[in-house]
Amino acid sequence: MKRLGFALSFALLTLGSAPAGAAPDASALYGKYCAACHGTDRLGGTGPALLPQNLGRLKPARATGVIADGRAATQMPAFADVLSAADIEALVAYVYTPPAVVPVWGRAEIAASRILNDDLIKVDKPVFEADPLNLFVVVETGDHHATILDGDRFEPIYRFPTRYALHGGPKFTPDGRYVFFMSRDGWVTKFDLYALDVVVEVRAGINARNIAISEDGRHIAVANYLPNTLVILSAEDLSLEKIFEVKDRWGKPSRVSAVYQARPRRSFVAALKDVPEIWEITTDPEAGPVFAGLVHSNEKGMKEALPSGSGLFALRRIEVPAPLDDFFFTPDYRNLIGSTRDGAKGSTAVVVNLNVGRDVARIDLPGLPHLGSGIAWTYKGRPVMATPHLKDGRVSVIAIDDWSVVKTIETKGPGFFMRSHENTRYAWTDVFFGPNRDLLHVIDKDTLEIVKTLQPAPGKTAAHVEFDRDGSHALVSIWETDGALVVYDAKTLKEVKRLPMSKPSGKYNVWNKITFSDGTSH
């Protein structure tokens, strides 16, 4: 029940709870208030799947509170004023009841879903005049479209419909020609930025979290909540290469929170939602020096050395103190910081050294840091990273060399995205949640002080800053259906241009993504 659609919002105003004394019809209630976000069959949509196997970490008593009061740092609304206590209890019982038929999405279903664009016109160069490496791909979730934007003139080149509820950020091939999108319901789309057309699509899962592309651009990894799989596709034609049934070494299944490209390591790194493991999967056919001699767990749970040359998609398990997600990687990809979210052992962040395969530090970061939005730079000769917090108005600046908190910067409210660029002295962070959601803070990376607070559109959410190729301009999303893309001069902090957009939830610069700019998410 992550957010309400237009029709559902109207239904909330016109439809009430069950009559007094009548037993609540849980199926009907679900259809009225939940299906728009979670799917009519509970298999997920913009919100996660609501099936017992997907709710293992959410106990029924807590689920009752989530339905009644909503959920912090998400778009899950509160229903206490709409539904009675009996209605809510009926809904909780309903979503914890297994479906009559267990949903399956495996090799046959994936293969059958694949759609090739037979009308694609092959081209050798872009069909437009703009710099192909300074394009922005703008995801407009308000009406499920994407816009290809010229990053020099800040003018739209092409706008096209996408799958419903894109999520997780598009990924680009190393040459910047192709971009891959993923929707919450598991569809992966390959789009040719030269021809401005779809190449191929496939549905890799029922409820998916994000995708990653391998360092050589040959493989796409898809992280799924439902089924509990990590799917590897060929980036060439989105044909299926491998399905990992995700379980710990004792056989307990897990959802996959996210998957990341670890470029210097030539591997994928996966965050598991329900078990205390991190998975690293090699994309190097020769296994590479990173995997040579490392210890991993084989399919039977036995510890063994992973020999050099053990092949493509070899799996290495790293055991951690608690399930971790929302990863930030240091620029060399030797270490990651993951959020424990439940505050295990008094800490909300754990540092894992991927070379030695274990946790090496804990960082006390109350307020639920959004580590996946973290950025890195050098401060007074020291490598640091900074992250906003989802529940507190603060930005934490952390020294990467000893994991100490260098400074806590107080903000006007909890933030979601933080961005910068190697060619600018400023870091930008939004105030995504709460009454000040229309503000953006600009922080001097040399002094760690807020130098300016911007208000691009009073009363409307401002979020997700992204820079152009050379870092001379910062683009801001007005995160509303009647929203806009606001272009700022990154040096003077003055507005340059404003383009109407339909809830531009994210914008992604080709150059910054393929070069792994320290100022953007990877």
Protein backbone atom coordinates (compact mmCIF):
# COMPACT_ATOMS: atom_id res chain seq x y z
CA MET A 1 0.00 0.00 0.00
CA LYS A 2 2.72 2.34 -0.90
CA ARG A 3 0.77 5.14 -2.51
CA LEU A 4 -2.72 5.87 -3.78
CA GLY A 5 -3.60 6.25 -7.44
CA PHE A 6 -6.11 8.85 -8.60
CA ALA A 7 -8.99 6.40 -8.77
CA LEU A 8 -8.12 4.98 -5.38
CA SER A 9 -7.95 8.42 -3.81
CA PHE A 10 -11.48 9.07 -5.06
CA ALA A 11 -12.58 5.70 -3.69
CA LEU A 12 -11.30 6.62 -0.25
CA LEU A 13 -13.57 9.64 -0.25
CA THR A 14 -16.66 7.84 -1.50
CA LEU A 15 -16.42 4.32 -0.04
CA GLY A 16 -16.61 3.59 3.65
CA SER A 17 -15.84 0.63 5.86
CA ALA A 18 -18.09 -2.39 6.35
CA PRO A 19 -21.49 -1.66 7.98
CA ALA A 20 -21.58 -1.93 11.76
CA GLY A 21 -21.90 -5.55 12.85
CA ALA A 22 -21.02 -7.00 9.45
CA ALA A 23 -17.92 -9.14 9.09
CA PRO A 24 -15.37 -7.26 6.98
CA ASP A 25 -14.88 -8.58 3.46
CA ALA A 26 -11.09 -8.64 3.38
CA SER A 27 -10.88 -9.39 -0.33
CA ALA A 28 -13.13 -6.43 -1.18
CA LEU A 29 -11.22 -4.13 1.18
CA TYR A 30 -7.96 -5.16 -0.42
CA GLY A 31 -9.37 -4.44 -3.85
CA LYS A 32 -10.50 -0.95 -2.80
CA TYR A 33 -7.51 0.22 -0.79
CA CYS A 34 -4.47 -1.91 -1.61
CA ALA A 35 -4.63 -3.36 -5.12
CA ALA A 36 -3.66 -0.14 -6.91
CA CYS A 37 -0.19 -0.30 -5.37
CA HIS A 38 0.31 -3.95 -4.47
CA GLY A 39 -1.43 -5.64 -7.40
CA THR A 40 -4.82 -7.30 -7.62
CA ASP A 41 -3.19 -10.70 -7.04
CA ARG A 42 -0.88 -9.40 -4.27
CA LEU A 43 2.12 -9.96 -6.53
CA GLY A 44 3.32 -6.37 -6.23
CA GLY A 45 3.30 -3.15 -8.20
CA THR A 46 4.64 0.18 -7.02
CA GLY A 47 4.49 -1.36 -3.56
CA PRO A 48 5.95 -4.73 -2.58
CA ALA A 49 4.19 -8.07 -2.89
CA LEU A 50 1.90 -8.79 0.06
CA LEU A 51 2.34 -12.52 0.53
CA PRO A 52 3.44 -14.44 3.65
CA GLN A 53 6.81 -15.32 2.13
CA ASN A 54 7.47 -11.62 1.50
CA LEU A 55 6.45 -10.49 4.98
CA GLY A 56 8.80 -12.62 7.06
CA ARG A 57 10.40 -9.64 8.84
CA LEU A 58 7.11 -7.80 9.37
CA LYS A 59 5.09 -9.41 12.15
CA PRO A 60 1.27 -9.21 12.02
CA ALA A 61 1.07 -6.90 15.06
CA ARG A 62 3.44 -4.46 13.38
CA ALA A 63 1.57 -4.79 10.08
CA THR A 64 -1.58 -3.61 11.87
CA GLY A 65 0.25 -0.44 12.89
CA VAL A 66 1.64 0.11 9.40
CA ILE A 67 -1.83 -0.02 7.85
CA ALA A 68 -3.30 2.23 10.53
CA ASP A 69 -0.49 4.77 10.83
CA GLY A 70 1.44 4.53 7.56
CA ARG A 71 5.18 4.03 7.37
CA ALA A 72 7.90 6.60 7.96
CA ALA A 73 10.26 7.40 5.09
CA THR A 74 7.93 5.78 2.53
CA GLN A 75 4.81 6.79 0.64
CA MET A 76 2.68 4.26 2.54
CA PRO A 77 -0.33 6.32 3.77
CA ALA A 78 -2.24 5.95 7.05
CA PHE A 79 -5.69 4.36 6.89
CA ALA A 80 -6.84 4.78 10.50
CA ASP A 81 -9.32 7.49 9.49
CA VAL A 82 -10.74 5.37 6.65
CA LEU A 83 -10.78 1.80 7.94
CA SER A 84 -12.13 0.44 11.22
CA ALA A 85 -10.00 -1.66 13.54
CA ALA A 86 -11.92 -4.73 12.37
CA ASP A 87 -11.25 -3.83 8.74
CA ILE A 88 -7.53 -3.50 9.42
CA GLU A 89 -7.37 -6.81 11.28
CA ALA A 90 -9.18 -8.49 8.39
CA LEU A 91 -6.66 -7.05 5.91
CA VAL A 92 -3.73 -8.23 8.03
CA ALA A 93 -5.15 -11.76 8.14
CA TYR A 94 -5.74 -11.63 4.40
CA VAL A 95 -2.19 -10.65 3.39
CA TYR A 96 -0.69 -13.28 5.72
CA THR A 97 -2.80 -16.00 4.11
CA PRO A 98 -0.94 -17.94 1.40
CA PRO A 99 -2.47 -17.62 -2.09
CA ALA A 100 -4.38 -20.60 -3.40
CA VAL A 101 -1.69 -21.05 -6.05
CA VAL A 102 1.97 -20.33 -5.26
CA PRO A 103 3.22 -17.83 -7.86
CA VAL A 104 5.96 -19.12 -10.12
CA TRP A 105 8.28 -17.09 -12.31
CA GLY A 106 11.12 -19.20 -13.56
CA ARG A 107 13.01 -20.08 -16.71
CA ALA A 108 9.94 -20.86 -18.82
CA GLU A 109 8.00 -17.77 -17.74
CA ILE A 110 10.96 -15.47 -18.32
CA ALA A 111 11.66 -16.90 -21.77
CA ALA A 112 7.98 -16.69 -22.79
CA SER A 113 7.76 -13.02 -21.77
CA ARG A 114 10.59 -11.82 -24.02
CA ILE A 115 9.54 -9.29 -26.68
CA LEU A 116 11.87 -8.30 -29.53
CA ASN A 117 11.23 -5.09 -31.45
CA ASP A 118 11.21 -6.36 -35.02
CA ASP A 119 10.68 -2.83 -36.32
CA LEU A 120 13.88 -1.42 -34.82
CA ILE A 121 15.87 0.51 -37.41
CA LYS A 122 19.59 -0.09 -36.94
CA VAL A 123 21.78 3.00 -37.04
CA ASP A 124 25.52 3.63 -36.68
CA LYS A 125 25.28 7.10 -35.17
CA PRO A 126 22.70 9.11 -33.21
CA VAL A 127 19.63 10.33 -35.09
CA PHE A 128 20.02 13.69 -33.30
CA GLU A 129 22.74 16.37 -33.14
CA ALA A 130 23.39 16.51 -29.37
CA ASP A 131 26.43 15.08 -27.56
CA PRO A 132 25.38 11.44 -26.86
CA LEU A 133 27.56 11.35 -23.74
CA ASN A 134 25.93 14.43 -22.23
CA LEU A 135 22.35 13.22 -22.49
CA PHE A 136 20.06 12.97 -19.51
CA VAL A 137 17.52 10.18 -19.23
CA VAL A 138 14.65 11.66 -17.22
CA VAL A 139 12.18 9.21 -15.68
CA GLU A 140 8.75 10.82 -15.36
CA THR A 141 6.68 8.62 -13.07
CA GLY A 142 3.69 10.97 -13.07
CA ASP A 143 2.49 9.59 -16.40
CA HIS A 144 5.00 6.74 -16.92
CA HIS A 145 7.17 8.30 -19.59
CA ALA A 146 10.85 9.00 -20.06
CA THR A 147 12.44 12.03 -21.71
CA ILE A 148 15.82 12.09 -23.42
CA LEU A 149 17.26 15.54 -22.69
CA ASP A 150 20.10 17.38 -24.42
CA GLY A 151 22.54 18.14 -21.60
CA ASP A 152 24.12 21.10 -23.41
CA ARG A 153 21.01 23.05 -24.43
CA PHE A 154 18.66 21.51 -21.83
CA GLU A 155 16.05 20.79 -24.44
CA PRO A 156 14.02 17.57 -24.81
CA ILE A 157 15.05 15.40 -27.74
CA TYR A 158 12.49 12.59 -27.42
CA ARG A 159 9.74 11.50 -25.02
CA PHE A 160 8.26 8.00 -24.92
CA PRO A 161 6.03 5.78 -22.74
CA THR A 162 7.68 3.34 -20.33
CA ARG A 163 6.57 0.34 -18.34
CA TYR A 164 4.54 1.11 -15.23
CA ALA A 165 6.44 2.26 -12.13
CA LEU A 166 10.07 2.31 -13.17
CA HIS A 167 12.40 1.93 -10.23
CA GLY A 168 16.00 1.51 -9.22
CA GLY A 169 17.66 3.83 -11.72
CA PRO A 170 18.45 3.06 -15.37
CA LYS A 171 21.83 1.53 -16.23
CA PHE A 172 24.01 2.27 -19.24
CA THR A 173 26.37 0.18 -21.35
CA PRO A 174 30.03 1.27 -20.99
CA ASP A 175 29.92 3.14 -24.32
CA GLY A 176 26.76 4.98 -23.30
CA ARG A 177 24.74 3.82 -26.30
CA TYR A 178 22.14 1.63 -24.58
CA VAL A 179 20.15 2.21 -21.43
CA PHE A 180 18.29 -0.44 -19.43
CA PHE A 181 15.15 0.30 -17.43
CA MET A 182 13.45 -1.86 -14.81
CA SER A 183 9.87 -1.68 -13.53
CA ARG A 184 8.63 -2.75 -10.12
CA ASP A 185 6.76 -5.65 -11.70
CA GLY A 186 9.97 -7.09 -13.10
CA TRP A 187 10.08 -5.84 -16.69
CA VAL A 188 13.54 -5.05 -18.05
CA THR A 189 13.71 -2.86 -21.16
CA LYS A 190 16.74 -2.27 -23.39
CA PHE A 191 16.57 1.10 -25.18
CA ASP A 192 18.85 2.31 -27.98
CA LEU A 193 19.81 5.94 -27.31
CA TYR A 194 21.14 6.33 -30.86
CA ALA A 195 17.97 5.07 -32.60
CA LEU A 196 15.63 6.32 -29.84
CA ASP A 197 13.72 3.06 -29.76
CA VAL A 198 13.18 -0.05 -27.66
CA VAL A 199 15.37 -3.02 -28.59
CA VAL A 200 13.92 -5.82 -26.45
CA GLU A 201 11.98 -6.39 -23.22
CA VAL A 202 11.64 -9.30 -20.80
CA ARG A 203 9.95 -9.85 -17.45
CA ALA A 204 12.58 -11.22 -15.06
CA GLY A 205 10.47 -11.39 -11.90
CA ILE A 206 7.13 -10.62 -10.29
CA ASN A 207 8.35 -7.96 -7.88
CA ALA A 208 11.79 -6.55 -8.65
CA ARG A 209 14.00 -4.07 -6.80
CA ASN A 210 16.71 -2.92 -9.20
CA ILE A 211 19.18 -3.93 -11.89
CA ALA A 212 22.94 -3.71 -12.40
CA ILE A 213 25.11 -4.04 -15.49
CA SER A 214 28.45 -5.84 -15.48
CA GLU A 215 31.75 -4.00 -15.92
CA ASP A 216 32.12 -5.27 -19.49
CA GLY A 217 28.53 -4.46 -20.41
CA ARG A 218 27.66 -8.07 -21.20
CA HIS A 219 25.35 -9.04 -18.35
CA ILE A 220 22.35 -7.60 -16.53
CA ALA A 221 21.56 -8.72 -12.97
CA VAL A 222 18.00 -8.36 -11.66
CA ALA A 223 17.28 -8.31 -7.92
CA ASN A 224 13.88 -9.82 -7.10
CA TYR A 225 11.68 -9.80 -4.03
CA LEU A 226 9.34 -12.29 -5.70
CA PRO A 227 10.33 -14.90 -6.48
CA ASN A 228 13.40 -15.02 -4.23
CA THR A 229 15.82 -14.97 -7.14
CA LEU A 230 18.75 -13.13 -8.64
CA VAL A 231 18.39 -13.35 -12.41
CA ILE A 232 21.26 -12.85 -14.86
CA LEU A 233 20.35 -11.79 -18.41
CA SER A 234 22.45 -11.28 -21.51
CA ALA A 235 22.74 -7.53 -22.13
CA GLU A 236 22.83 -8.24 -25.87
CA ASP A 237 19.27 -9.57 -26.23
CA LEU A 238 17.98 -10.00 -22.63
CA SER A 239 17.98 -13.77 -22.99
CA LEU A 240 18.25 -15.69 -19.72
CA GLU A 241 21.73 -16.75 -18.63
CA LYS A 242 21.28 -17.91 -15.04
CA ILE A 243 18.81 -17.95 -12.15
CA PHE A 244 20.10 -18.00 -8.58
CA GLU A 245 17.55 -19.36 -6.10
CA VAL A 246 18.51 -17.14 -3.18
CA LYS A 247 18.94 -19.01 0.10
CA ASP A 248 21.47 -18.90 2.89
CA ARG A 249 23.79 -21.85 3.44
CA TRP A 250 21.19 -23.48 5.68
CA GLY A 251 18.49 -23.21 3.05
CA LYS A 252 16.51 -20.22 4.36
CA PRO A 253 15.17 -18.23 1.39
CA SER A 254 15.63 -14.48 1.07
CA ARG A 255 14.41 -11.56 -0.96
CA VAL A 256 17.13 -9.62 -2.79
CA SER A 257 17.17 -5.98 -1.66
CA ALA A 258 19.44 -4.75 -4.43
CA VAL A 259 22.26 -5.71 -6.74
CA TYR A 260 25.26 -3.53 -7.61
CA GLN A 261 28.07 -3.51 -10.14
CA ALA A 262 31.47 -3.66 -8.41
CA ARG A 263 33.39 -2.44 -11.42
CA PRO A 264 37.05 -2.83 -10.29
CA ARG A 265 36.22 -6.27 -8.89
CA ARG A 266 34.46 -7.42 -12.08
CA SER A 267 31.57 -8.72 -10.03
CA PHE A 268 28.01 -8.16 -8.90
CA VAL A 269 27.34 -7.60 -5.20
CA ALA A 270 23.87 -8.44 -3.89
CA ALA A 271 22.20 -7.32 -0.67
CA LEU A 272 19.90 -9.94 0.87
CA LYS A 273 16.86 -8.78 2.81
CA ASP A 274 16.15 -11.73 5.07
CA VAL A 275 19.42 -13.51 5.80
CA PRO A 276 22.78 -12.26 7.17
CA GLU A 277 24.79 -12.73 3.99
CA ILE A 278 26.15 -10.63 1.16
CA TRP A 279 26.65 -12.33 -2.18
CA GLU A 280 29.43 -11.56 -4.63
CA ILE A 281 29.13 -13.08 -8.10
CA THR A 282 31.99 -12.87 -10.53
CA THR A 283 31.40 -11.61 -14.07
CA ASP A 284 34.97 -12.54 -15.07
CA PRO A 285 35.19 -15.85 -16.97
CA GLU A 286 38.62 -16.37 -15.46
CA ALA A 287 37.31 -15.56 -11.97
CA GLY A 288 39.94 -12.83 -11.66
CA PRO A 289 42.43 -12.06 -8.89
CA VAL A 290 39.69 -10.86 -6.55
CA PHE A 291 38.16 -14.34 -6.39
CA ALA A 292 41.37 -16.36 -6.56
CA GLY A 293 42.03 -18.11 -3.26
CA LEU A 294 39.10 -16.50 -1.44
CA VAL A 295 36.92 -18.62 0.79
CA HIS A 296 33.27 -19.06 -0.10
CA SER A 297 30.43 -21.44 0.69
CA ASN A 298 29.50 -23.96 -1.96
CA GLU A 299 25.92 -25.04 -2.69
CA LYS A 300 26.03 -27.54 0.17
CA GLY A 301 27.15 -24.89 2.65
CA MET A 302 30.69 -26.29 2.94
CA LYS A 303 33.55 -23.82 3.22
CA GLU A 304 36.07 -24.17 0.41
CA ALA A 305 38.64 -22.11 -1.45
CA LEU A 306 37.45 -20.57 -4.69
CA PRO A 307 40.18 -21.42 -7.20
CA SER A 308 41.25 -19.10 -9.97
CA GLY A 309 39.43 -19.85 -13.21
CA SER A 310 36.34 -21.33 -11.54
CA GLY A 311 34.29 -19.51 -14.10
CA LEU A 312 31.60 -17.01 -14.89
CA PHE A 313 28.96 -16.36 -12.20
CA ALA A 314 30.87 -18.14 -9.43
CA LEU A 315 29.19 -17.33 -6.11
CA ARG A 316 30.94 -16.16 -2.96
CA ARG A 317 29.01 -15.79 0.31
CA ILE A 318 30.05 -13.23 2.91
CA GLU A 319 28.49 -13.69 6.32
CA VAL A 320 27.55 -10.50 8.19
CA PRO A 321 26.12 -9.80 11.67
CA ALA A 322 22.62 -8.97 10.39
CA PRO A 323 20.89 -8.51 7.05
CA LEU A 324 22.31 -5.40 5.38
CA ASP A 325 20.96 -3.25 2.58
CA ASP A 326 21.24 0.23 1.05
CA PHE A 327 24.95 -0.12 0.22
CA PHE A 328 27.53 2.60 -0.25
CA PHE A 329 30.82 1.49 -1.82
CA THR A 330 34.15 3.23 -1.33
CA PRO A 331 35.59 4.43 -4.66
CA ASP A 332 38.04 1.50 -4.81
CA TYR A 333 35.24 -0.99 -4.01
CA ARG A 334 37.28 -2.64 -1.28
CA ASN A 335 34.71 -1.71 1.37
CA LEU A 336 30.99 -1.22 1.55
CA ILE A 337 28.81 0.32 4.23
CA GLY A 338 25.42 -1.28 4.75
CA SER A 339 22.46 -0.31 6.87
CA THR A 340 21.20 -2.71 9.52
CA ARG A 341 17.91 -0.74 9.73
CA ASP A 342 16.89 -2.57 12.90
CA GLY A 343 19.75 -0.95 14.81
CA ALA A 344 21.44 -4.26 15.61
CA LYS A 345 23.88 -3.96 18.52
CA GLY A 346 23.29 -0.24 18.79
CA SER A 347 24.59 0.52 15.32
CA THR A 348 22.79 1.42 12.10
CA ALA A 349 25.76 1.03 9.75
CA VAL A 350 28.23 -1.81 9.28
CA VAL A 351 31.45 -1.65 7.24
CA VAL A 352 32.30 -4.82 5.31
CA ASN A 353 35.70 -5.34 3.70
CA LEU A 354 35.02 -7.28 0.52
CA ASN A 355 38.61 -8.47 0.22
CA VAL A 356 38.71 -10.22 3.59
CA GLY A 357 35.03 -11.06 3.50
CA ARG A 358 33.86 -9.83 6.90
CA ASP A 359 32.65 -6.78 8.80
CA VAL A 360 35.50 -4.58 10.04
CA ALA A 361 33.77 -1.60 11.68
CA ARG A 362 30.47 -0.24 12.97
CA ILE A 363 29.35 3.37 12.76
CA ASP A 364 26.77 4.85 15.09
CA LEU A 365 24.43 6.68 12.70
CA PRO A 366 21.01 7.11 14.31
CA GLY A 367 18.24 8.38 12.09
CA LEU A 368 18.48 5.70 9.37
CA PRO A 369 21.15 6.87 6.93
CA HIS A 370 20.30 6.55 3.23
CA LEU A 371 23.67 5.07 2.35
CA GLY A 372 22.76 4.26 -1.24
CA SER A 373 22.58 8.00 -1.82
CA GLY A 374 26.02 8.63 -0.36
CA ILE A 375 28.74 10.55 -2.20
CA ALA A 376 32.53 10.71 -1.80
CA TRP A 377 35.21 13.40 -2.04
CA THR A 378 38.47 14.48 -0.37
CA TYR A 379 38.20 16.75 2.66
CA LYS A 380 41.39 18.24 4.11
CA GLY A 381 43.43 15.50 2.49
CA ARG A 382 41.18 12.69 3.81
CA PRO A 383 38.75 10.58 1.80
CA VAL A 384 35.23 11.07 3.14
CA MET A 385 31.69 10.10 2.29
CA ALA A 386 28.47 11.86 3.21
CA THR A 387 24.94 10.56 3.55
CA PRO A 388 21.54 12.07 4.37
CA HIS A 389 19.22 10.43 6.90
CA LEU A 390 15.69 9.20 6.28
CA LYS A 391 14.36 9.87 9.77
CA ASP A 392 16.43 12.78 11.11
CA GLY A 393 17.35 16.20 9.73
CA ARG A 394 21.07 15.61 9.35
CA VAL A 395 23.87 14.77 6.96
CA SER A 396 26.69 12.61 8.33
CA VAL A 397 30.20 13.12 6.96
CA ILE A 398 32.35 10.02 7.57
CA ALA A 399 36.09 9.53 7.14
CA ILE A 400 36.69 6.48 4.98
CA ASP A 401 40.20 5.89 6.35
CA ASP A 402 39.11 5.20 9.96
CA TRP A 403 35.26 5.28 9.77
CA SER A 404 34.95 8.15 12.23
CA VAL A 405 32.17 10.70 11.94
CA VAL A 406 33.92 13.91 10.89
CA LYS A 407 30.88 16.11 11.21
CA THR A 408 27.09 16.01 11.55
CA ILE A 409 25.44 18.76 9.52
CA GLU A 410 21.99 19.73 10.79
CA THR A 411 19.35 20.18 8.07
CA LYS A 412 15.73 21.34 7.89
CA GLY A 413 14.45 17.77 7.83
CA PRO A 414 15.12 14.18 6.71
CA GLY A 415 16.65 13.85 3.26
CA PHE A 416 16.63 11.22 0.54
CA PHE A 417 19.13 12.18 -2.17
CA MET A 418 22.58 13.76 -2.02
CA ARG A 419 24.62 14.66 -5.09
CA SER A 420 27.79 16.42 -6.19
CA HIS A 421 30.38 16.35 -8.98
CA GLU A 422 34.17 16.28 -8.98
CA ASN A 423 34.22 19.67 -10.75
CA THR A 424 32.12 21.55 -8.19
CA ARG A 425 32.89 22.66 -4.64
CA TYR A 426 29.31 22.02 -3.55
CA ALA A 427 27.25 19.04 -2.43
CA TRP A 428 23.47 19.27 -2.68
CA THR A 429 20.98 17.51 -0.42
CA ASP A 430 17.20 17.62 -0.38
CA VAL A 431 14.75 17.77 2.54
CA PHE A 432 12.53 15.09 1.12
CA PHE A 433 10.29 14.35 4.10
CA GLY A 434 8.24 16.66 6.27
CA PRO A 435 7.01 20.25 6.04
CA ASN A 436 10.24 21.55 4.49
CA ARG A 437 10.22 19.15 1.55
CA ASP A 438 10.43 22.12 -0.84
CA LEU A 439 13.96 23.03 0.31
CA LEU A 440 17.42 22.08 -0.93
CA HIS A 441 20.63 22.66 1.02
CA VAL A 442 23.89 23.49 -0.75
CA ILE A 443 26.94 22.44 1.29
CA ASP A 444 30.51 23.63 0.78
CA LYS A 445 32.67 20.49 0.58
CA ASP A 446 35.70 22.41 1.88
CA THR A 447 34.08 23.86 5.01
CA LEU A 448 31.18 21.37 5.54
CA GLU A 449 28.85 24.32 6.05
CA ILE A 450 25.50 24.99 4.41
CA VAL A 451 26.13 28.03 2.20
CA LYS A 452 22.67 28.38 0.71
CA THR A 453 19.17 26.95 1.03
CA LEU A 454 17.11 26.98 -2.15
CA GLN A 455 13.34 26.78 -2.60
CA PRO A 456 12.73 25.98 -6.27
CA ALA A 457 8.92 25.64 -5.98
CA PRO A 458 7.28 26.68 -2.69
CA GLY A 459 5.08 23.93 -1.28
CA LYS A 460 6.29 21.30 -3.75
CA THR A 461 8.84 18.54 -3.13
CA ALA A 462 12.30 19.34 -4.54
CA ALA A 463 14.62 16.35 -4.90
CA HIS A 464 17.21 14.34 -6.81
CA VAL A 465 19.91 16.74 -7.99
CA GLU A 466 22.01 15.53 -10.91
CA PHE A 467 24.87 17.27 -12.70
CA ASP A 468 25.69 17.58 -16.36
CA ARG A 469 28.83 16.07 -17.84
CA ASP A 470 31.28 18.79 -16.78
CA GLY A 471 29.60 19.68 -13.50
CA SER A 472 28.71 23.21 -14.57
CA HIS A 473 24.96 22.79 -14.06
CA ALA A 474 22.81 21.08 -11.45
CA LEU A 475 19.36 19.76 -12.39
CA VAL A 476 16.65 19.51 -9.73
CA SER A 477 13.36 17.60 -9.86
CA ILE A 478 10.10 19.12 -8.69
CA TRP A 479 8.68 15.81 -7.56
CA GLU A 480 5.00 16.46 -8.41
CA THR A 481 2.64 15.40 -11.18
CA ASP A 482 2.61 19.02 -12.35
CA GLY A 483 6.34 19.19 -11.69
CA ALA A 484 9.36 20.49 -13.49
CA LEU A 485 13.06 20.12 -14.11
CA VAL A 486 14.91 23.16 -12.77
CA VAL A 487 18.42 23.89 -14.10
CA TYR A 488 20.85 25.81 -11.88
CA ASP A 489 24.26 27.25 -12.59
CA ALA A 490 26.37 25.08 -10.28
CA LYS A 491 28.76 27.94 -9.47
CA THR A 492 26.45 30.93 -8.97
CA LEU A 493 23.50 28.80 -7.73
CA LYS A 494 21.17 30.85 -9.94
CA GLU A 495 18.28 29.32 -11.88
CA VAL A 496 19.01 29.02 -15.61
CA LYS A 497 15.98 27.22 -17.03
CA ARG A 498 12.77 25.42 -16.03
CA LEU A 499 11.14 22.61 -18.03
CA PRO A 500 7.64 21.27 -17.23
CA MET A 501 7.71 17.54 -16.37
CA SER A 502 5.30 14.98 -14.92
CA LYS A 503 6.87 13.98 -11.61
CA PRO A 504 10.48 13.64 -12.81
CA SER A 505 11.52 11.18 -10.13
CA GLY A 506 15.08 10.91 -11.40
CA LYS A 507 17.40 12.12 -14.12
CA TYR A 508 20.59 10.35 -15.09
CA ASN A 509 23.53 11.78 -17.03
CA VAL A 510 25.17 9.29 -19.38
CA TRP A 511 28.75 10.49 -18.81
CA ASN A 512 28.51 10.63 -15.04
CA LYS A 513 27.03 7.14 -14.89
CA ILE A 514 29.46 5.39 -17.21
CA THR A 515 32.49 7.08 -15.60
CA PHE A 516 31.26 6.40 -12.06
CA SER A 517 31.43 10.00 -10.91
CA ASP A 518 32.01 10.23 -7.16
CA GLY A 519 29.14 12.68 -6.93
CA THR A 520 26.38 10.36 -8.09
CA SER A 521 24.95 6.99 -7.16
CA HIS A 522 26.25 3.90 -8.92
